[in-house]
Amino acid sequence: MSKRLFPLPTISEQEFVDHIADEDFLPVYGNPIIINCKAGYKLIFMAWPMMERFLK
């Protein structure tokens, strides 16, 4: 299995924490995005409305 993720926008954990409360977070950073965590993990963040579309 490949460890490559889809070419999604990527930000650092600190940038995510600093800006998640911004009103324009999704238009500026994208939806979904990959978060590079300090512990070495890569997390995918997706806003709930987009997730709901996938569940239908």
PDB file of N, CA and C in Angstrom:
ATOM      1  N   MET A   1       0.845  -1.191   0.000  1.00  0.00           N
ATOM      2  CA  MET A   1       0.000   0.000   0.000  1.00  0.00           C
ATOM      3  C   MET A   1       0.886   1.247   0.000  1.00  0.00           C
ATOM      4  N   SER A   2       0.555   2.173  -0.831  1.00  0.00           N
ATOM      5  CA  SER A   2       1.324   3.408  -0.943  1.00  0.00           C
ATOM      6  C   SER A   2       1.065   4.319   0.256  1.00  0.00           C
ATOM      7  N   LYS A   3       2.106   5.001   0.691  1.00  0.00           N
ATOM      8  CA  LYS A   3       1.960   5.951   1.793  1.00  0.00           C
ATOM      9  C   LYS A   3       1.651   7.356   1.282  1.00  0.00           C
ATOM     10  N   ARG A   4       1.558   7.523  -0.027  1.00  0.00           N
ATOM     11  CA  ARG A   4       1.241   8.829  -0.596  1.00  0.00           C
ATOM     12  C   ARG A   4      -0.232   9.131  -0.414  1.00  0.00           C
ATOM     13  N   LEU A   5      -0.528  10.339  -0.018  1.00  0.00           N
ATOM     14  CA  LEU A   5      -1.905  10.796   0.095  1.00  0.00           C
ATOM     15  C   LEU A   5      -2.263  11.573  -1.160  1.00  0.00           C
ATOM     16  N   PHE A   6      -3.537  11.750  -1.381  1.00  0.00           N
ATOM     17  CA  PHE A   6      -3.972  12.560  -2.515  1.00  0.00           C
ATOM     18  C   PHE A   6      -3.363  13.949  -2.391  1.00  0.00           C
ATOM     19  N   PRO A   7      -3.175  14.627  -3.502  1.00  0.00           N
ATOM     20  CA  PRO A   7      -2.566  15.960  -3.441  1.00  0.00           C
ATOM     21  C   PRO A   7      -3.526  16.984  -2.833  1.00  0.00           C
ATOM     22  N   LEU A   8      -3.649  16.954  -1.536  1.00  0.00           N
ATOM     23  CA  LEU A   8      -4.506  17.889  -0.806  1.00  0.00           C
ATOM     24  C   LEU A   8      -3.647  18.992  -0.201  1.00  0.00           C
ATOM     25  N   PRO A   9      -4.254  20.143   0.081  1.00  0.00           N
ATOM     26  CA  PRO A   9      -3.505  21.192   0.773  1.00  0.00           C
ATOM     27  C   PRO A   9      -3.001  20.658   2.119  1.00  0.00           C
ATOM     28  N   THR A  10      -1.789  21.043   2.493  1.00  0.00           N
ATOM     29  CA  THR A  10      -1.163  20.559   3.718  1.00  0.00           C
ATOM     30  C   THR A  10      -0.733  21.734   4.571  1.00  0.00           C
ATOM     31  N   ILE A  11      -1.026  21.653   5.887  1.00  0.00           N
ATOM     32  CA  ILE A  11      -0.601  22.688   6.823  1.00  0.00           C
ATOM     33  C   ILE A  11      -0.009  22.017   8.058  1.00  0.00           C
ATOM     34  N   SER A  12       0.698  22.794   8.844  1.00  0.00           N
ATOM     35  CA  SER A  12       1.288  22.275  10.078  1.00  0.00           C
ATOM     36  C   SER A  12       0.228  22.232  11.182  1.00  0.00           C
ATOM     37  N   GLU A  13       0.517  21.456  12.196  1.00  0.00           N
ATOM     38  CA  GLU A  13      -0.378  21.364  13.353  1.00  0.00           C
ATOM     39  C   GLU A  13      -0.554  22.739  14.004  1.00  0.00           C
ATOM     40  N   GLN A  14       0.536  23.484  14.133  1.00  0.00           N
ATOM     41  CA  GLN A  14       0.464  24.797  14.771  1.00  0.00           C
ATOM     42  C   GLN A  14      -0.371  25.772  13.949  1.00  0.00           C
ATOM     43  N   GLU A  15      -0.211  25.734  12.641  1.00  0.00           N
ATOM     44  CA  GLU A  15      -1.013  26.614  11.784  1.00  0.00           C
ATOM     45  C   GLU A  15      -2.496  26.271  11.897  1.00  0.00           C
ATOM     46  N   PHE A  16      -2.811  24.966  11.966  1.00  0.00           N
ATOM     47  CA  PHE A  16      -4.196  24.529  12.140  1.00  0.00           C
ATOM     48  C   PHE A  16      -4.765  25.068  13.448  1.00  0.00           C
ATOM     49  N   VAL A  17      -4.027  24.894  14.546  1.00  0.00           N
ATOM     50  CA  VAL A  17      -4.480  25.353  15.861  1.00  0.00           C
ATOM     51  C   VAL A  17      -4.662  26.876  15.867  1.00  0.00           C
ATOM     52  N   ASP A  18      -3.741  27.583  15.258  1.00  0.00           N
ATOM     53  CA  ASP A  18      -3.796  29.047  15.251  1.00  0.00           C
ATOM     54  C   ASP A  18      -4.959  29.601  14.434  1.00  0.00           C
ATOM     55  N   HIS A  19      -5.439  28.859  13.428  1.00  0.00           N
ATOM     56  CA  HIS A  19      -6.407  29.435  12.493  1.00  0.00           C
ATOM     57  C   HIS A  19      -7.742  28.709  12.383  1.00  0.00           C
ATOM     58  N   ILE A  20      -7.956  27.607  13.095  1.00  0.00           N
ATOM     59  CA  ILE A  20      -9.197  26.845  12.943  1.00  0.00           C
ATOM     60  C   ILE A  20     -10.435  27.675  13.294  1.00  0.00           C
ATOM     61  N   ALA A  21     -10.297  28.633  14.182  1.00  0.00           N
ATOM     62  CA  ALA A  21     -11.445  29.454  14.577  1.00  0.00           C
ATOM     63  C   ALA A  21     -11.713  30.619  13.624  1.00  0.00           C
ATOM     64  N   ASP A  22     -10.854  30.828  12.645  1.00  0.00           N
ATOM     65  CA  ASP A  22     -11.056  31.918  11.684  1.00  0.00           C
ATOM     66  C   ASP A  22     -12.327  31.675  10.874  1.00  0.00           C
ATOM     67  N   GLU A  23     -13.085  32.732  10.642  1.00  0.00           N
ATOM     68  CA  GLU A  23     -14.317  32.610   9.855  1.00  0.00           C
ATOM     69  C   GLU A  23     -14.057  32.139   8.434  1.00  0.00           C
ATOM     70  N   ASP A  24     -12.918  32.519   7.893  1.00  0.00           N
ATOM     71  CA  ASP A  24     -12.617  32.161   6.508  1.00  0.00           C
ATOM     72  C   ASP A  24     -11.646  30.972   6.409  1.00  0.00           C
ATOM     73  N   PHE A  25     -11.602  30.111   7.427  1.00  0.00           N
ATOM     74  CA  PHE A  25     -10.656  28.995   7.447  1.00  0.00           C
ATOM     75  C   PHE A  25     -10.800  28.094   6.224  1.00  0.00           C
ATOM     76  N   LEU A  26     -11.996  27.640   5.938  1.00  0.00           N
ATOM     77  CA  LEU A  26     -12.190  26.699   4.827  1.00  0.00           C
ATOM     78  C   LEU A  26     -11.852  27.306   3.466  1.00  0.00           C
ATOM     79  N   PRO A  27     -12.301  28.526   3.152  1.00  0.00           N
ATOM     80  CA  PRO A  27     -11.911  29.096   1.853  1.00  0.00           C
ATOM     81  C   PRO A  27     -10.407  29.336   1.729  1.00  0.00           C
ATOM     82  N   VAL A  28      -9.754  29.676   2.828  1.00  0.00           N
ATOM     83  CA  VAL A  28      -8.323  29.967   2.780  1.00  0.00           C
ATOM     84  C   VAL A  28      -7.492  28.690   2.709  1.00  0.00           C
ATOM     85  N   TYR A  29      -7.815  27.708   3.550  1.00  0.00           N
ATOM     86  CA  TYR A  29      -6.970  26.514   3.670  1.00  0.00           C
ATOM     87  C   TYR A  29      -7.476  25.321   2.863  1.00  0.00           C
ATOM     88  N   GLY A  30      -8.748  25.268   2.585  1.00  0.00           N
ATOM     89  CA  GLY A  30      -9.294  24.164   1.802  1.00  0.00           C
ATOM     90  C   GLY A  30     -10.127  23.207   2.637  1.00  0.00           C
ATOM     91  N   ASN A  31     -10.803  22.311   1.956  1.00  0.00           N
ATOM     92  CA  ASN A  31     -11.650  21.320   2.605  1.00  0.00           C
ATOM     93  C   ASN A  31     -11.754  20.115   1.673  1.00  0.00           C
ATOM     94  N   PRO A  32     -11.143  19.023   1.991  1.00  0.00           N
ATOM     95  CA  PRO A  32     -10.367  18.673   3.180  1.00  0.00           C
ATOM     96  C   PRO A  32      -8.910  19.136   3.070  1.00  0.00           C
ATOM     97  N   ILE A  33      -8.196  19.034   4.207  1.00  0.00           N
ATOM     98  CA  ILE A  33      -6.774  19.364   4.250  1.00  0.00           C
ATOM     99  C   ILE A  33      -6.033  18.286   5.034  1.00  0.00           C
ATOM    100  N   ILE A  34      -4.738  18.220   4.814  1.00  0.00           N
ATOM    101  CA  ILE A  34      -3.882  17.325   5.587  1.00  0.00           C
ATOM    102  C   ILE A  34      -3.151  18.157   6.626  1.00  0.00           C
ATOM    103  N   ILE A  35      -3.130  17.660   7.861  1.00  0.00           N
ATOM    104  CA  ILE A  35      -2.436  18.333   8.949  1.00  0.00           C
ATOM    105  C   ILE A  35      -1.204  17.505   9.297  1.00  0.00           C
ATOM    106  N   ASN A  36      -0.033  18.111   9.187  1.00  0.00           N
ATOM    107  CA  ASN A  36       1.206  17.458   9.600  1.00  0.00           C
ATOM    108  C   ASN A  36       1.390  17.684  11.096  1.00  0.00           C
ATOM    109  N   CYS A  37       1.228  16.647  11.887  1.00  0.00           N
ATOM    110  CA  CYS A  37       1.325  16.750  13.343  1.00  0.00           C
ATOM    111  C   CYS A  37       2.773  16.643  13.813  1.00  0.00           C
ATOM    112  N   LYS A  38       3.048  17.254  14.962  1.00  0.00           N
ATOM    113  CA  LYS A  38       4.392  17.227  15.534  1.00  0.00           C
ATOM    114  C   LYS A  38       4.838  15.810  15.861  1.00  0.00           C
ATOM    115  N   ALA A  39       3.904  14.923  16.172  1.00  0.00           N
ATOM    116  CA  ALA A  39       4.229  13.544  16.537  1.00  0.00           C
ATOM    117  C   ALA A  39       4.541  12.683  15.311  1.00  0.00           C
ATOM    118  N   GLY A  40       4.512  13.276  14.123  1.00  0.00           N
ATOM    119  CA  GLY A  40       4.840  12.545  12.917  1.00  0.00           C
ATOM    120  C   GLY A  40       3.643  11.989  12.163  1.00  0.00           C
ATOM    121  N   TYR A  41       2.446  12.181  12.696  1.00  0.00           N
ATOM    122  CA  TYR A  41       1.231  11.702  12.037  1.00  0.00           C
ATOM    123  C   TYR A  41       0.776  12.695  10.983  1.00  0.00           C
ATOM    124  N   LYS A  42      -0.002  12.202  10.049  1.00  0.00           N
ATOM    125  CA  LYS A  42      -0.707  13.050   9.086  1.00  0.00           C
ATOM    126  C   LYS A  42      -2.191  12.778   9.294  1.00  0.00           C
ATOM    127  N   LEU A  43      -2.926  13.827   9.595  1.00  0.00           N
ATOM    128  CA  LEU A  43      -4.375  13.723   9.806  1.00  0.00           C
ATOM    129  C   LEU A  43      -5.095  14.430   8.676  1.00  0.00           C
ATOM    130  N   ILE A  44      -6.264  13.920   8.337  1.00  0.00           N
ATOM    131  CA  ILE A  44      -7.088  14.587   7.338  1.00  0.00           C
ATOM    132  C   ILE A  44      -8.243  15.264   8.065  1.00  0.00           C
ATOM    133  N   PHE A  45      -8.361  16.566   7.861  1.00  0.00           N
ATOM    134  CA  PHE A  45      -9.454  17.342   8.434  1.00  0.00           C
ATOM    135  C   PHE A  45     -10.464  17.602   7.335  1.00  0.00           C
ATOM    136  N   MET A  46     -11.737  17.356   7.668  1.00  0.00           N
ATOM    137  CA  MET A  46     -12.817  17.611   6.713  1.00  0.00           C
ATOM    138  C   MET A  46     -13.987  18.209   7.488  1.00  0.00           C
ATOM    139  N   ALA A  47     -14.570  19.282   6.976  1.00  0.00           N
ATOM    140  CA  ALA A  47     -15.726  19.896   7.617  1.00  0.00           C
ATOM    141  C   ALA A  47     -16.925  18.964   7.529  1.00  0.00           C
ATOM    142  N   TRP A  48     -17.760  18.985   8.549  1.00  0.00           N
ATOM    143  CA  TRP A  48     -18.898  18.079   8.627  1.00  0.00           C
ATOM    144  C   TRP A  48     -19.825  18.142   7.407  1.00  0.00           C
ATOM    145  N   PRO A  49     -20.177  19.305   6.863  1.00  0.00           N
ATOM    146  CA  PRO A  49     -21.066  19.315   5.686  1.00  0.00           C
ATOM    147  C   PRO A  49     -20.517  18.489   4.515  1.00  0.00           C
ATOM    148  N   MET A  50     -19.198  18.507   4.317  1.00  0.00           N
ATOM    149  CA  MET A  50     -18.639  17.698   3.246  1.00  0.00           C
ATOM    150  C   MET A  50     -18.738  16.210   3.601  1.00  0.00           C
ATOM    151  N   MET A  51     -18.495  15.871   4.841  1.00  0.00           N
ATOM    152  CA  MET A  51     -18.595  14.479   5.270  1.00  0.00           C
ATOM    153  C   MET A  51     -20.017  13.963   5.087  1.00  0.00           C
ATOM    154  N   GLU A  52     -21.003  14.791   5.384  1.00  0.00           N
ATOM    155  CA  GLU A  52     -22.404  14.390   5.193  1.00  0.00           C
ATOM    156  C   GLU A  52     -22.676  14.039   3.735  1.00  0.00           C
ATOM    157  N   ARG A  53     -22.088  14.787   2.810  1.00  0.00           N
ATOM    158  CA  ARG A  53     -22.279  14.488   1.389  1.00  0.00           C
ATOM    159  C   ARG A  53     -21.715  13.110   1.036  1.00  0.00           C
ATOM    160  N   PHE A  54     -20.613  12.735   1.644  1.00  0.00           N
ATOM    161  CA  PHE A  54     -20.028  11.423   1.389  1.00  0.00           C
ATOM    162  C   PHE A  54     -20.890  10.304   1.975  1.00  0.00           C
ATOM    163  N   LEU A  55     -21.617  10.584   3.042  1.00  0.00           N
ATOM    164  CA  LEU A  55     -22.417   9.567   3.706  1.00  0.00           C
ATOM    165  C   LEU A  55     -23.736   9.289   3.004  1.00  0.00           C
ATOM    166  N   LYS A  56     -24.162  10.172   2.130  1.00  0.00           N
ATOM    167  CA  LYS A  56     -25.449  10.007   1.445  1.00  0.00           C
ATOM    168  C   LYS A  56     -25.348   9.077   0.271  1.00  0.00           C
TER     169      LYS A  56
END
